[in-house]
Amino acid sequence: MSDIHLDSAVLAALQDVMEDEYPVLLDTFLADSEERLRLLRQAQRTADAHNLRLAAHSFKGSCSNMGALMLASLCKQLEEIGRRELMHEAPELIEQVEREFAIVRILMKSERQRYRL
């Protein structure tokens, strides 16, 4: 697994804590992330800097907790764009978030397969 996209130490710690619930945690993160991406796109479409900031902040936190550090970093940048109301910069960064999430999703699904009950 690539530490660039997912911090394997964070995942190992989560696995230790969650035990049998670890696969559920991975599934929940992926489902929640899809919703957060939808909210980011919606905020971009409606030029809503406040909701862009809130959605990016929320996504950043969950990415950090799950060890998706590059994705968290992109979300932090997006949060700052929302804070500074630089909505013209949002589309390109949202595309980067979507590309990185696509990689993270594949890696997490692979991780999930390793823990199939």
Protein backbone atom coordinates (compact mmCIF):
# COMPACT_ATOMS: atom_id res chain seq x y z
CA MET A 1 0.00 0.00 0.00
CA SER A 2 1.32 3.42 -0.87
CA ASP A 3 2.12 5.61 2.13
CA ILE A 4 1.88 8.60 -0.19
CA HIS A 5 -1.89 8.19 -0.41
CA LEU A 6 -2.68 6.23 2.76
CA ASP A 7 -0.61 6.13 5.92
CA SER A 8 -0.36 2.43 6.71
CA ALA A 9 0.60 3.19 10.32
CA VAL A 10 -2.67 5.05 10.83
CA LEU A 11 -4.62 2.18 9.27
CA ALA A 12 -2.78 -0.35 11.46
CA ALA A 13 -3.65 1.66 14.57
CA LEU A 14 -7.30 1.90 13.50
CA GLN A 15 -7.37 -1.84 12.88
CA ASP A 16 -6.02 -2.48 16.39
CA VAL A 17 -8.65 -0.24 17.95
CA MET A 18 -11.62 -1.24 15.78
CA GLU A 19 -10.83 -4.98 15.49
CA ASP A 20 -13.83 -6.69 13.83
CA GLU A 21 -15.44 -3.32 13.09
CA TYR A 22 -12.47 -2.17 11.00
CA PRO A 23 -14.05 -3.13 7.63
CA VAL A 24 -17.22 -1.26 8.66
CA LEU A 25 -15.10 1.80 9.39
CA LEU A 26 -13.55 1.63 5.92
CA ASP A 27 -16.98 1.26 4.29
CA THR A 28 -18.36 4.15 6.32
CA PHE A 29 -15.46 6.41 5.37
CA LEU A 30 -15.97 5.66 1.67
CA ALA A 31 -19.71 6.30 1.83
CA ASP A 32 -19.27 9.51 3.85
CA SER A 33 -16.58 10.69 1.45
CA GLU A 34 -18.91 10.29 -1.54
CA GLU A 35 -21.42 12.52 0.24
CA ARG A 36 -18.75 15.09 1.11
CA LEU A 37 -17.63 15.19 -2.54
CA ARG A 38 -21.24 15.78 -3.56
CA LEU A 39 -21.45 18.69 -1.12
CA LEU A 40 -18.19 20.16 -2.46
CA ARG A 41 -19.49 19.99 -6.04
CA GLN A 42 -22.81 21.51 -5.01
CA ALA A 43 -21.08 24.39 -3.21
CA GLN A 44 -18.94 24.98 -6.29
CA ARG A 45 -21.98 24.98 -8.61
CA THR A 46 -23.82 27.48 -6.42
CA ALA A 47 -20.66 29.55 -5.71
CA ASP A 48 -21.28 29.04 -1.99
CA ALA A 49 -17.94 29.76 -0.31
CA HIS A 50 -19.30 29.16 3.20
CA ASN A 51 -20.59 25.66 2.44
CA LEU A 52 -17.45 24.87 0.44
CA ARG A 53 -15.38 25.73 3.51
CA LEU A 54 -17.58 23.65 5.82
CA ALA A 55 -17.64 20.60 3.53
CA ALA A 56 -13.88 20.80 2.94
CA HIS A 57 -13.22 21.16 6.68
CA SER A 58 -15.36 18.12 7.49
CA PHE A 59 -13.77 16.05 4.71
CA LYS A 60 -10.28 17.12 5.84
CA GLY A 61 -10.93 15.84 9.35
CA SER A 62 -12.18 12.43 8.28
CA CYS A 63 -9.32 12.05 5.79
CA SER A 64 -6.79 12.87 8.51
CA ASN A 65 -8.39 10.36 10.88
CA MET A 66 -8.22 7.64 8.22
CA GLY A 67 -4.63 8.33 7.18
CA ALA A 68 -5.51 9.80 3.77
CA LEU A 69 -2.98 12.57 4.28
CA MET A 70 -2.63 13.83 0.70
CA LEU A 71 -6.42 14.01 0.42
CA ALA A 72 -6.57 15.86 3.76
CA SER A 73 -4.00 18.34 2.47
CA LEU A 74 -6.04 19.03 -0.66
CA CYS A 75 -9.15 19.50 1.48
CA LYS A 76 -7.23 21.96 3.65
CA GLN A 77 -6.40 23.99 0.53
CA LEU A 78 -10.03 23.86 -0.54
CA GLU A 79 -11.13 24.97 2.93
CA GLU A 80 -8.82 27.99 2.61
CA ILE A 81 -10.29 28.82 -0.81
CA GLY A 82 -13.73 28.84 0.79
CA ARG A 83 -12.53 30.92 3.73
CA ARG A 84 -10.99 33.50 1.39
CA GLU A 85 -13.98 33.31 -1.01
CA LEU A 86 -11.75 32.53 -4.00
CA MET A 87 -14.41 30.43 -5.70
CA HIS A 88 -12.75 30.76 -9.13
CA GLU A 89 -9.98 28.51 -7.78
CA ALA A 90 -12.36 25.80 -6.54
CA PRO A 91 -13.05 23.79 -9.74
CA GLU A 92 -9.44 22.77 -10.37
CA LEU A 93 -8.85 21.87 -6.73
CA ILE A 94 -12.09 19.87 -6.53
CA GLU A 95 -10.88 17.92 -9.57
CA GLN A 96 -7.63 17.18 -7.71
CA VAL A 97 -9.63 16.07 -4.65
CA GLU A 98 -11.74 13.77 -6.84
CA ARG A 99 -8.66 12.24 -8.49
CA GLU A 100 -6.96 11.66 -5.15
CA PHE A 101 -10.14 10.20 -3.66
CA ALA A 102 -10.37 7.79 -6.61
CA ILE A 103 -6.91 6.48 -5.67
CA VAL A 104 -7.76 6.34 -1.96
CA ARG A 105 -11.01 4.49 -2.72
CA ILE A 106 -9.12 1.79 -4.66
CA LEU A 107 -6.55 1.43 -1.87
CA MET A 108 -9.23 1.27 0.83
CA LYS A 109 -11.26 -1.29 -1.09
CA SER A 110 -8.09 -3.35 -1.40
CA GLU A 111 -7.51 -2.93 2.33
CA ARG A 112 -11.14 -3.94 2.92
CA GLN A 113 -10.67 -7.13 0.91
CA ARG A 114 -7.81 -8.14 3.18
CA TYR A 115 -10.16 -8.14 6.17
CA ARG A 116 -13.15 -9.88 4.66
CA LEU A 117 -14.88 -11.80 7.41
